[in-house]
Amino acid sequence: MPENKTRGRPKAKEKMEQITIKLPPKMLEGLRELSDESYNPMSYHIRQALAEYLRKK
């Protein structure tokens, strides 16, 4: 392993805070399917949707 490489997940550019949300079962199922198909975590899709909503507001 090269000397300048570190193990683990790369650090986020911006500090994130964790929250808890509740979703209806069908919405959660759709989010899980989207996440599985895209290989992106559910939190990624939630952030993208929220950013888009806030831009349009």
C-alpha atoms as a PDB file:
ATOM      1  CA  MET A   1       0.000   0.000   0.000  1.00  0.00           C
ATOM      2  CA  PRO A   2       1.420   3.445  -0.928  1.00  0.00           C
ATOM      3  CA  GLU A   3       2.537   5.577   2.031  1.00  0.00           C
ATOM      4  CA  ASN A   4       0.161   8.485   1.358  1.00  0.00           C
ATOM      5  CA  LYS A   5      -2.946   6.282   1.157  1.00  0.00           C
ATOM      6  CA  THR A   6      -5.202   5.757   4.172  1.00  0.00           C
ATOM      7  CA  ARG A   7      -7.658   2.995   4.756  1.00  0.00           C
ATOM      8  CA  GLY A   8     -11.404   3.345   4.932  1.00  0.00           C
ATOM      9  CA  ARG A   9     -13.979   5.633   3.443  1.00  0.00           C
ATOM     10  CA  PRO A  10     -12.831   9.047   2.161  1.00  0.00           C
ATOM     11  CA  LYS A  11     -13.772  11.951   4.434  1.00  0.00           C
ATOM     12  CA  ALA A  12     -16.716  14.072   3.308  1.00  0.00           C
ATOM     13  CA  LYS A  13     -15.833  17.563   2.114  1.00  0.00           C
ATOM     14  CA  GLU A  14     -18.609  18.982   4.242  1.00  0.00           C
ATOM     15  CA  LYS A  15     -19.453  17.798   7.757  1.00  0.00           C
ATOM     16  CA  MET A  16     -22.742  15.912   7.843  1.00  0.00           C
ATOM     17  CA  GLU A  17     -25.242  15.651  10.682  1.00  0.00           C
ATOM     18  CA  GLN A  18     -27.381  12.611  11.234  1.00  0.00           C
ATOM     19  CA  ILE A  19     -31.170  12.858  11.493  1.00  0.00           C
ATOM     20  CA  THR A  20     -34.015  10.373  11.754  1.00  0.00           C
ATOM     21  CA  ILE A  21     -37.007  10.407   9.409  1.00  0.00           C
ATOM     22  CA  LYS A  22     -40.153   8.337   9.133  1.00  0.00           C
ATOM     23  CA  LEU A  23     -41.447   7.255   5.729  1.00  0.00           C
ATOM     24  CA  PRO A  24     -44.550   5.381   4.641  1.00  0.00           C
ATOM     25  CA  PRO A  25     -43.749   1.731   3.791  1.00  0.00           C
ATOM     26  CA  LYS A  26     -44.329   2.159   0.036  1.00  0.00           C
ATOM     27  CA  MET A  27     -42.077   5.216  -0.127  1.00  0.00           C
ATOM     28  CA  LEU A  28     -39.343   3.402   1.787  1.00  0.00           C
ATOM     29  CA  GLU A  29     -39.659   0.405  -0.529  1.00  0.00           C
ATOM     30  CA  GLY A  30     -39.285   2.659  -3.574  1.00  0.00           C
ATOM     31  CA  LEU A  31     -36.263   4.354  -2.035  1.00  0.00           C
ATOM     32  CA  ARG A  32     -34.623   1.003  -1.290  1.00  0.00           C
ATOM     33  CA  GLU A  33     -35.222  -0.179  -4.861  1.00  0.00           C
ATOM     34  CA  LEU A  34     -33.768   3.047  -6.273  1.00  0.00           C
ATOM     35  CA  SER A  35     -30.758   2.681  -3.997  1.00  0.00           C
ATOM     36  CA  ASP A  36     -30.189  -0.936  -5.038  1.00  0.00           C
ATOM     37  CA  GLU A  37     -30.494  -0.136  -8.748  1.00  0.00           C
ATOM     38  CA  SER A  38     -28.195   2.890  -8.626  1.00  0.00           C
ATOM     39  CA  TYR A  39     -25.621   1.545  -6.145  1.00  0.00           C
ATOM     40  CA  ASN A  40     -25.977   4.808  -4.199  1.00  0.00           C
ATOM     41  CA  PRO A  41     -27.049   4.878  -0.542  1.00  0.00           C
ATOM     42  CA  MET A  42     -30.559   5.938   0.390  1.00  0.00           C
ATOM     43  CA  SER A  43     -29.149   9.044   2.097  1.00  0.00           C
ATOM     44  CA  TYR A  44     -27.688  10.176  -1.245  1.00  0.00           C
ATOM     45  CA  HIS A  45     -31.125  10.118  -2.900  1.00  0.00           C
ATOM     46  CA  ILE A  46     -32.754  11.859   0.061  1.00  0.00           C
ATOM     47  CA  ARG A  47     -30.122  14.632  -0.049  1.00  0.00           C
ATOM     48  CA  GLN A  48     -30.550  15.008  -3.828  1.00  0.00           C
ATOM     49  CA  ALA A  49     -34.337  15.247  -3.561  1.00  0.00           C
ATOM     50  CA  LEU A  50     -34.178  17.714  -0.682  1.00  0.00           C
ATOM     51  CA  ALA A  51     -31.616  19.894  -2.477  1.00  0.00           C
ATOM     52  CA  GLU A  52     -33.838  19.982  -5.579  1.00  0.00           C
ATOM     53  CA  TYR A  53     -36.889  20.877  -3.467  1.00  0.00           C
ATOM     54  CA  LEU A  54     -35.024  23.689  -1.723  1.00  0.00           C
ATOM     55  CA  ARG A  55     -33.728  25.064  -5.052  1.00  0.00           C
ATOM     56  CA  LYS A  56     -37.279  25.276  -6.426  1.00  0.00           C
ATOM     57  CA  LYS A  57     -38.735  26.860  -3.310  1.00  0.00           C
END
